[in-house]
């Protein structure tokens, strides 16, 4: 029984840490009028032909909106434990996109990181949160499931 309590505490701790990571990035990006994905995407190396078109004047504002609000909503989801299985999938996709965007194969961001960097660690942790249903551990997903069960509503 002691291991179960420790596992739940670890799930909660990792969910809150990843949630804060996304939430802080999103809040900074949403509140900062200078933030734009164009500057970052214009300097990609390995997949430049894939990312450079996203810096076009017609597309960059849309991408900036999606990235900044995506970060914010993923962070809110992870911190609150609501819709973690949905937001986690988007979080993993976003992190893997950043990993490829930072790539100067075989290095990531600098010559210190050979193939792996923190984006892969974050993506793996976020994927793990999805697989263990982290929103059910002291989160709103669990609360909603318990309320539905108490009222006799079928849960999936």
N, C-alpha and C. Protein backbone atom coordinates (compact mmCIF):
# COMPACT_ATOMS: atom_id res chain seq x y z
N UNK A 1 0.82 -1.20 0.00
CA UNK A 1 0.00 0.00 0.00
C UNK A 1 0.86 1.26 0.00
N UNK A 2 2.00 1.17 0.65
CA UNK A 2 2.89 2.33 0.72
C UNK A 2 3.41 2.70 -0.67
N UNK A 3 3.67 1.70 -1.52
CA UNK A 3 4.14 1.97 -2.88
C UNK A 3 3.09 2.69 -3.71
N UNK A 4 1.84 2.37 -3.52
CA UNK A 4 0.76 3.01 -4.26
C UNK A 4 0.71 4.50 -3.92
N UNK A 5 0.82 4.83 -2.65
CA UNK A 5 0.80 6.24 -2.23
C UNK A 5 2.00 6.98 -2.81
N UNK A 6 3.17 6.33 -2.81
CA UNK A 6 4.37 6.96 -3.37
C UNK A 6 4.21 7.15 -4.87
N UNK A 7 3.66 6.16 -5.56
CA UNK A 7 3.43 6.28 -6.99
C UNK A 7 2.50 7.45 -7.29
N UNK A 8 1.45 7.61 -6.52
CA UNK A 8 0.51 8.71 -6.72
C UNK A 8 1.18 10.06 -6.49
N UNK A 9 2.03 10.12 -5.48
CA UNK A 9 2.74 11.38 -5.22
C UNK A 9 3.69 11.71 -6.36
N UNK A 10 4.36 10.70 -6.91
CA UNK A 10 5.26 10.93 -8.05
C UNK A 10 4.48 11.37 -9.29
N UNK A 11 3.37 10.72 -9.55
CA UNK A 11 2.53 11.11 -10.70
C UNK A 11 2.09 12.56 -10.54
N UNK A 12 1.61 12.91 -9.36
CA UNK A 12 1.18 14.29 -9.11
C UNK A 12 2.35 15.26 -9.26
N UNK A 13 3.49 14.93 -8.70
CA UNK A 13 4.65 15.82 -8.78
C UNK A 13 5.08 16.04 -10.23
N UNK A 14 5.18 14.97 -10.99
CA UNK A 14 5.59 15.11 -12.39
C UNK A 14 4.55 15.85 -13.21
N UNK A 15 3.26 15.59 -12.93
CA UNK A 15 2.20 16.31 -13.65
C UNK A 15 2.26 17.80 -13.37
N UNK A 16 2.47 18.17 -12.11
CA UNK A 16 2.56 19.59 -11.76
C UNK A 16 3.82 20.24 -12.33
N UNK A 17 4.93 19.52 -12.32
CA UNK A 17 6.16 20.09 -12.88
C UNK A 17 6.04 20.32 -14.39
N UNK A 18 5.51 19.34 -15.10
CA UNK A 18 5.34 19.53 -16.55
C UNK A 18 4.28 20.59 -16.82
N UNK A 19 3.24 20.60 -16.00
CA UNK A 19 2.21 21.62 -16.15
C UNK A 19 2.78 23.02 -15.97
N UNK A 20 3.61 23.19 -14.95
CA UNK A 20 4.21 24.50 -14.71
C UNK A 20 5.12 24.89 -15.87
N UNK A 21 5.85 23.94 -16.42
CA UNK A 21 6.74 24.22 -17.54
C UNK A 21 5.95 24.79 -18.72
N UNK A 22 4.85 24.14 -19.07
CA UNK A 22 4.02 24.62 -20.17
C UNK A 22 3.31 25.93 -19.80
N UNK A 23 2.78 25.98 -18.58
CA UNK A 23 2.01 27.15 -18.14
C UNK A 23 2.87 28.41 -18.13
N UNK A 24 4.08 28.32 -17.62
CA UNK A 24 4.96 29.48 -17.57
C UNK A 24 5.33 29.94 -18.98
N UNK A 25 5.67 28.97 -19.85
CA UNK A 25 6.01 29.33 -21.23
C UNK A 25 4.82 30.00 -21.92
N UNK A 26 3.64 29.42 -21.74
CA UNK A 26 2.45 29.97 -22.37
C UNK A 26 2.09 31.35 -21.85
N UNK A 27 2.16 31.54 -20.54
CA UNK A 27 1.83 32.85 -19.96
C UNK A 27 2.80 33.91 -20.47
N UNK A 28 4.08 33.58 -20.52
CA UNK A 28 5.06 34.53 -21.01
C UNK A 28 4.79 34.87 -22.48
N UNK A 29 4.49 33.85 -23.28
CA UNK A 29 4.26 34.08 -24.71
C UNK A 29 2.97 34.84 -24.97
N UNK A 30 1.91 34.52 -24.25
CA UNK A 30 0.63 35.21 -24.45
C UNK A 30 0.73 36.67 -24.03
N UNK A 31 1.44 36.93 -22.93
CA UNK A 31 1.53 38.30 -22.40
C UNK A 31 2.62 39.14 -23.06
N UNK A 32 3.51 38.52 -23.80
CA UNK A 32 4.61 39.25 -24.42
C UNK A 32 4.25 39.66 -25.85
N UNK A 33 4.15 40.96 -26.11
CA UNK A 33 3.81 41.39 -27.48
C UNK A 33 4.95 41.13 -28.47
N UNK A 34 6.16 40.91 -27.98
CA UNK A 34 7.30 40.66 -28.87
C UNK A 34 7.40 39.21 -29.32
N UNK A 35 6.71 38.29 -28.65
CA UNK A 35 6.87 36.87 -28.98
C UNK A 35 6.31 36.57 -30.37
N UNK A 36 7.11 35.85 -31.16
CA UNK A 36 6.69 35.37 -32.47
C UNK A 36 7.47 34.10 -32.78
N UNK A 37 6.81 33.14 -33.38
CA UNK A 37 7.49 31.91 -33.76
C UNK A 37 8.40 32.13 -34.97
N UNK A 38 8.20 33.22 -35.67
CA UNK A 38 8.96 33.46 -36.90
C UNK A 38 10.47 33.51 -36.66
N UNK A 39 10.89 34.18 -35.61
CA UNK A 39 12.32 34.28 -35.33
C UNK A 39 12.95 32.93 -35.06
N UNK A 40 12.25 32.09 -34.31
CA UNK A 40 12.75 30.76 -33.99
C UNK A 40 12.75 29.85 -35.21
N UNK A 41 11.66 29.83 -35.95
CA UNK A 41 11.54 28.91 -37.08
C UNK A 41 12.41 29.32 -38.27
N UNK A 42 12.74 30.58 -38.38
CA UNK A 42 13.58 31.03 -39.50
C UNK A 42 15.01 30.50 -39.39
N UNK A 43 15.42 30.09 -38.18
CA UNK A 43 16.80 29.65 -37.98
C UNK A 43 16.94 28.14 -37.83
N UNK A 44 15.94 27.38 -38.25
CA UNK A 44 16.06 25.93 -38.19
C UNK A 44 17.09 25.47 -39.22
N UNK A 45 17.69 24.31 -38.96
CA UNK A 45 18.76 23.84 -39.85
C UNK A 45 18.40 22.53 -40.54
N UNK A 46 18.23 21.47 -39.78
CA UNK A 46 18.02 20.15 -40.38
C UNK A 46 16.72 20.09 -41.18
N UNK A 47 15.65 20.64 -40.66
CA UNK A 47 14.35 20.60 -41.34
C UNK A 47 13.92 22.00 -41.77
N UNK A 48 14.85 22.80 -42.25
CA UNK A 48 14.56 24.19 -42.61
C UNK A 48 13.47 24.29 -43.68
N UNK A 49 13.52 23.43 -44.68
CA UNK A 49 12.51 23.49 -45.74
C UNK A 49 11.11 23.19 -45.23
N UNK A 50 11.01 22.47 -44.15
CA UNK A 50 9.71 22.18 -43.55
C UNK A 50 9.19 23.34 -42.71
N UNK A 51 10.08 23.98 -41.94
CA UNK A 51 9.66 25.01 -41.00
C UNK A 51 9.69 26.43 -41.57
N UNK A 52 10.54 26.72 -42.52
CA UNK A 52 10.66 28.08 -43.05
C UNK A 52 9.35 28.63 -43.62
N UNK A 53 8.54 27.83 -44.33
CA UNK A 53 7.27 28.39 -44.83
C UNK A 53 6.33 28.87 -43.73
N UNK A 54 6.49 28.36 -42.52
CA UNK A 54 5.62 28.77 -41.42
C UNK A 54 5.96 30.16 -40.90
N UNK A 55 7.04 30.75 -41.42
CA UNK A 55 7.43 32.10 -41.02
C UNK A 55 6.87 33.16 -41.97
N UNK A 56 6.12 32.74 -42.97
CA UNK A 56 5.53 33.69 -43.92
C UNK A 56 4.62 34.66 -43.18
N UNK A 57 4.57 35.92 -43.61
CA UNK A 57 3.77 36.93 -42.91
C UNK A 57 2.30 36.54 -42.71
N UNK A 58 1.73 35.77 -43.61
CA UNK A 58 0.33 35.37 -43.47
C UNK A 58 0.15 34.24 -42.46
N UNK A 59 1.18 33.42 -42.27
CA UNK A 59 1.06 32.24 -41.42
C UNK A 59 1.64 32.46 -40.02
N UNK A 60 2.69 33.25 -39.89
CA UNK A 60 3.38 33.43 -38.60
C UNK A 60 2.46 33.89 -37.47
N UNK A 61 1.56 34.84 -37.69
CA UNK A 61 0.67 35.24 -36.58
C UNK A 61 -0.25 34.11 -36.12
N UNK A 62 -0.70 33.30 -37.04
CA UNK A 62 -1.55 32.16 -36.68
C UNK A 62 -0.75 31.14 -35.89
N UNK A 63 0.46 30.84 -36.34
CA UNK A 63 1.32 29.90 -35.63
C UNK A 63 1.68 30.42 -34.25
N UNK A 64 1.96 31.72 -34.15
CA UNK A 64 2.29 32.32 -32.86
C UNK A 64 1.11 32.17 -31.89
N UNK A 65 -0.10 32.44 -32.37
CA UNK A 65 -1.29 32.29 -31.55
C UNK A 65 -1.45 30.84 -31.09
N UNK A 66 -1.33 29.89 -32.02
CA UNK A 66 -1.50 28.48 -31.70
C UNK A 66 -0.46 27.99 -30.70
N UNK A 67 0.79 28.38 -30.90
CA UNK A 67 1.86 27.93 -30.00
C UNK A 67 1.69 28.53 -28.61
N UNK A 68 1.48 29.83 -28.52
CA UNK A 68 1.40 30.46 -27.21
C UNK A 68 0.17 29.98 -26.43
N UNK A 69 -0.99 29.96 -27.08
CA UNK A 69 -2.18 29.50 -26.38
C UNK A 69 -2.16 27.99 -26.17
N UNK A 70 -1.51 27.26 -27.06
CA UNK A 70 -1.34 25.82 -26.86
C UNK A 70 -0.54 25.53 -25.61
N UNK A 71 0.58 26.25 -25.45
CA UNK A 71 1.38 26.09 -24.22
C UNK A 71 0.53 26.39 -22.98
N UNK A 72 -0.18 27.50 -23.02
CA UNK A 72 -0.98 27.91 -21.87
C UNK A 72 -2.05 26.88 -21.53
N UNK A 73 -2.78 26.40 -22.52
CA UNK A 73 -3.86 25.45 -22.28
C UNK A 73 -3.34 24.08 -21.85
N UNK A 74 -2.24 23.64 -22.43
CA UNK A 74 -1.64 22.37 -22.00
C UNK A 74 -1.20 22.49 -20.55
N UNK A 75 -0.58 23.61 -20.20
CA UNK A 75 -0.16 23.83 -18.82
C UNK A 75 -1.33 23.84 -17.85
N UNK A 76 -2.39 24.55 -18.20
CA UNK A 76 -3.59 24.58 -17.34
C UNK A 76 -4.19 23.19 -17.19
N UNK A 77 -4.21 22.44 -18.27
CA UNK A 77 -4.75 21.09 -18.23
C UNK A 77 -3.93 20.20 -17.30
N UNK A 78 -2.62 20.26 -17.42
CA UNK A 78 -1.77 19.41 -16.57
C UNK A 78 -1.84 19.82 -15.10
N UNK A 79 -1.83 21.11 -14.84
CA UNK A 79 -1.87 21.57 -13.45
C UNK A 79 -3.21 21.20 -12.80
N UNK A 80 -4.30 21.36 -13.53
CA UNK A 80 -5.62 21.07 -12.96
C UNK A 80 -5.97 19.59 -13.01
N UNK A 81 -5.30 18.84 -13.88
CA UNK A 81 -5.62 17.43 -14.04
C UNK A 81 -6.86 17.20 -14.88
N UNK A 82 -7.24 18.18 -15.69
CA UNK A 82 -8.43 18.08 -16.54
C UNK A 82 -8.02 17.82 -17.99
N UNK A 83 -8.56 16.77 -18.58
CA UNK A 83 -8.29 16.40 -19.97
C UNK A 83 -6.80 16.15 -20.23
N UNK A 84 -6.15 15.51 -19.29
CA UNK A 84 -4.71 15.27 -19.38
C UNK A 84 -4.37 14.35 -20.55
N UNK A 85 -5.22 13.37 -20.81
CA UNK A 85 -4.93 12.44 -21.92
C UNK A 85 -4.99 13.15 -23.27
N UNK A 86 -5.81 14.16 -23.39
CA UNK A 86 -5.89 14.93 -24.64
C UNK A 86 -4.73 15.92 -24.73
N UNK A 87 -4.57 16.73 -23.69
CA UNK A 87 -3.53 17.76 -23.72
C UNK A 87 -2.14 17.15 -23.76
N UNK A 88 -1.97 16.00 -23.12
CA UNK A 88 -0.67 15.34 -23.12
C UNK A 88 -0.22 14.94 -24.51
N UNK A 89 -1.15 14.47 -25.32
CA UNK A 89 -0.82 14.09 -26.70
C UNK A 89 -0.35 15.33 -27.48
N UNK A 90 -1.07 16.44 -27.31
CA UNK A 90 -0.65 17.68 -27.98
C UNK A 90 0.69 18.18 -27.43
N UNK A 91 0.91 18.00 -26.14
CA UNK A 91 2.18 18.39 -25.54
C UNK A 91 3.34 17.60 -26.11
N UNK A 92 3.16 16.29 -26.25
CA UNK A 92 4.20 15.45 -26.83
C UNK A 92 4.48 15.87 -28.26
N UNK A 93 3.43 16.12 -29.04
CA UNK A 93 3.61 16.55 -30.43
C UNK A 93 4.37 17.88 -30.50
N UNK A 94 4.02 18.80 -29.64
CA UNK A 94 4.70 20.10 -29.60
C UNK A 94 6.17 19.94 -29.23
N UNK A 95 6.45 19.13 -28.23
CA UNK A 95 7.84 18.92 -27.80
C UNK A 95 8.67 18.24 -28.87
N UNK A 96 8.10 17.28 -29.57
CA UNK A 96 8.83 16.62 -30.65
C UNK A 96 9.06 17.57 -31.82
N UNK A 97 8.12 18.48 -32.04
CA UNK A 97 8.31 19.51 -33.06
C UNK A 97 9.48 20.41 -32.70
N UNK A 98 9.56 20.81 -31.43
CA UNK A 98 10.69 21.64 -30.98
C UNK A 98 12.00 20.89 -31.10
N UNK A 99 11.97 19.61 -30.80
CA UNK A 99 13.19 18.80 -30.89
C UNK A 99 13.73 18.81 -32.32
N UNK A 100 12.83 18.60 -33.29
CA UNK A 100 13.30 18.61 -34.68
C UNK A 100 13.66 20.02 -35.14
N UNK A 101 12.97 21.02 -34.62
CA UNK A 101 13.27 22.40 -35.01
C UNK A 101 14.63 22.85 -34.47
N UNK A 102 15.04 22.32 -33.33
CA UNK A 102 16.34 22.67 -32.73
C UNK A 102 17.48 21.86 -33.33
N UNK A 103 17.17 20.89 -34.15
CA UNK A 103 18.15 19.92 -34.61
C UNK A 103 19.09 20.49 -35.68
N UNK A 104 20.37 20.25 -35.47
CA UNK A 104 21.41 20.42 -36.47
C UNK A 104 22.10 19.07 -36.50
N UNK A 105 21.43 18.12 -37.13
CA UNK A 105 21.75 16.70 -36.99
C UNK A 105 23.24 16.44 -37.06
N UNK A 106 23.75 15.65 -36.13
CA UNK A 106 23.12 14.88 -35.05
C UNK A 106 23.01 15.65 -33.73
N UNK A 107 23.29 16.93 -33.76
CA UNK A 107 23.26 17.72 -32.53
C UNK A 107 21.91 18.42 -32.38
N UNK A 108 21.55 18.64 -31.12
CA UNK A 108 20.31 19.33 -30.81
C UNK A 108 20.67 20.61 -30.07
N UNK A 109 20.38 21.72 -30.67
CA UNK A 109 20.57 23.05 -30.10
C UNK A 109 22.04 23.46 -29.99
N UNK A 110 22.91 22.56 -29.53
CA UNK A 110 24.34 22.86 -29.44
C UNK A 110 25.11 21.53 -29.53
N UNK A 111 26.41 21.62 -29.57
CA UNK A 111 27.23 20.41 -29.68
C UNK A 111 27.31 19.64 -28.37
N UNK A 112 26.67 20.13 -27.34
CA UNK A 112 26.62 19.43 -26.06
C UNK A 112 25.60 18.29 -26.10
N UNK A 113 24.55 18.44 -26.89
CA UNK A 113 23.46 17.46 -26.94
C UNK A 113 23.53 16.65 -28.23
N UNK A 114 23.92 15.39 -28.12
CA UNK A 114 23.99 14.50 -29.26
C UNK A 114 22.69 13.70 -29.33
N UNK A 115 21.87 14.00 -30.29
CA UNK A 115 20.57 13.38 -30.59
C UNK A 115 19.52 13.62 -29.50
N UNK A 116 19.87 13.51 -28.24
CA UNK A 116 18.90 13.70 -27.16
C UNK A 116 19.11 15.03 -26.45
N UNK A 117 17.99 15.63 -26.06
CA UNK A 117 18.05 16.83 -25.21
C UNK A 117 16.80 16.85 -24.33
N UNK A 118 16.60 17.95 -23.66
CA UNK A 118 15.49 18.01 -22.70
C UNK A 118 14.12 17.89 -23.36
N UNK A 119 14.00 18.21 -24.64
CA UNK A 119 12.71 18.05 -25.31
C UNK A 119 12.27 16.59 -25.33
N UNK A 120 13.22 15.69 -25.54
CA UNK A 120 12.91 14.26 -25.55
C UNK A 120 12.55 13.80 -24.13
N UNK A 121 13.27 14.29 -23.14
CA UNK A 121 12.96 13.94 -21.75
C UNK A 121 11.55 14.44 -21.40
N UNK A 122 11.24 15.68 -21.74
CA UNK A 122 9.91 16.23 -21.46
C UNK A 122 8.82 15.46 -22.23
N UNK A 123 9.08 15.13 -23.49
CA UNK A 123 8.09 14.40 -24.29
C UNK A 123 7.85 13.01 -23.70
N UNK A 124 8.91 12.35 -23.27
CA UNK A 124 8.78 11.03 -22.65
C UNK A 124 7.98 11.12 -21.36
N UNK A 125 8.29 12.10 -20.53
CA UNK A 125 7.57 12.28 -19.27
C UNK A 125 6.10 12.61 -19.53
N UNK A 126 5.83 13.48 -20.49
CA UNK A 126 4.45 13.84 -20.81
C UNK A 126 3.70 12.63 -21.36
N UNK A 127 4.35 11.83 -22.19
CA UNK A 127 3.74 10.60 -22.69
C UNK A 127 3.43 9.63 -21.56
N UNK A 128 4.32 9.55 -20.59
CA UNK A 128 4.10 8.69 -19.43
C UNK A 128 2.89 9.18 -18.64
N UNK A 129 2.75 10.50 -18.49
CA UNK A 129 1.60 11.05 -17.77
C UNK A 129 0.29 10.66 -18.47
N UNK A 130 0.31 10.62 -19.79
CA UNK A 130 -0.88 10.20 -20.54
C UNK A 130 -1.19 8.73 -20.27
N UNK A 131 -0.16 7.88 -20.32
CA UNK A 131 -0.40 6.44 -20.17
C UNK A 131 -0.84 6.04 -18.77
N UNK A 132 -0.42 6.79 -17.75
CA UNK A 132 -0.82 6.44 -16.37
C UNK A 132 -2.08 7.19 -15.93
N UNK A 133 -2.75 7.86 -16.86
CA UNK A 133 -3.96 8.63 -16.54
C UNK A 133 -3.71 9.58 -15.38
N UNK A 134 -2.71 10.42 -15.53
CA UNK A 134 -2.28 11.30 -14.45
C UNK A 134 -3.37 12.26 -13.97
N UNK A 135 -4.34 12.55 -14.80
CA UNK A 135 -5.44 13.43 -14.38
C UNK A 135 -6.36 12.79 -13.36
N UNK A 136 -6.27 11.47 -13.21
CA UNK A 136 -7.09 10.76 -12.23
C UNK A 136 -6.44 10.76 -10.86
N UNK A 137 -5.20 11.21 -10.77
CA UNK A 137 -4.49 11.26 -9.49
C UNK A 137 -4.58 12.68 -8.95
N UNK A 138 -5.49 12.90 -8.03
CA UNK A 138 -5.71 14.20 -7.42
C UNK A 138 -5.89 15.30 -8.47
N UNK A 139 -6.67 14.97 -9.51
CA UNK A 139 -6.94 15.93 -10.57
C UNK A 139 -8.42 15.94 -10.90
N UNK A 140 -8.80 16.87 -11.76
CA UNK A 140 -10.21 17.01 -12.11
C UNK A 140 -10.74 15.84 -12.94
N UNK A 141 -9.88 15.17 -13.69
CA UNK A 141 -10.34 13.98 -14.42
C UNK A 141 -10.86 12.92 -13.44
N UNK A 142 -10.12 12.69 -12.37
CA UNK A 142 -10.55 11.72 -11.35
C UNK A 142 -11.80 12.17 -10.63
N UNK A 143 -11.87 13.46 -10.31
CA UNK A 143 -13.03 14.00 -9.62
C UNK A 143 -14.28 13.84 -10.48
N UNK A 144 -14.16 14.16 -11.78
CA UNK A 144 -15.30 14.02 -12.68
C UNK A 144 -15.73 12.56 -12.82
N UNK A 145 -14.75 11.66 -12.91
CA UNK A 145 -15.08 10.24 -13.03
C UNK A 145 -15.81 9.76 -11.77
N UNK A 146 -15.33 10.17 -10.60
CA UNK A 146 -15.98 9.76 -9.35
C UNK A 146 -17.39 10.35 -9.24
N UNK A 147 -17.60 11.58 -9.67
CA UNK A 147 -18.93 12.19 -9.65
C UNK A 147 -19.88 11.48 -10.60
N UNK A 148 -19.40 11.14 -11.77
CA UNK A 148 -20.25 10.43 -12.74
C UNK A 148 -20.61 9.06 -12.20
N UNK A 149 -19.65 8.37 -11.59
CA UNK A 149 -19.92 7.05 -11.04
C UNK A 149 -20.92 7.13 -9.88
N UNK A 150 -20.78 8.16 -9.07
CA UNK A 150 -21.69 8.33 -7.93
C UNK A 150 -23.12 8.58 -8.39
N UNK A 151 -23.28 9.24 -9.54
CA UNK A 151 -24.61 9.53 -10.06
C UNK A 151 -25.13 8.39 -10.93
N UNK A 152 -24.32 7.35 -11.13
CA UNK A 152 -24.76 6.21 -11.92
C UNK A 152 -24.60 6.39 -13.41
N UNK A 153 -23.83 7.37 -13.82
CA UNK A 153 -23.59 7.61 -15.25
C UNK A 153 -22.46 6.70 -15.69
N UNK A 154 -22.64 6.02 -16.81
CA UNK A 154 -21.61 5.09 -17.33
C UNK A 154 -20.36 5.87 -17.68
N UNK A 155 -19.21 5.31 -17.32
CA UNK A 155 -17.91 5.93 -17.67
C UNK A 155 -17.18 5.01 -18.62
N UNK A 156 -16.38 5.61 -19.46
CA UNK A 156 -15.63 4.85 -20.46
C UNK A 156 -14.26 4.55 -19.94
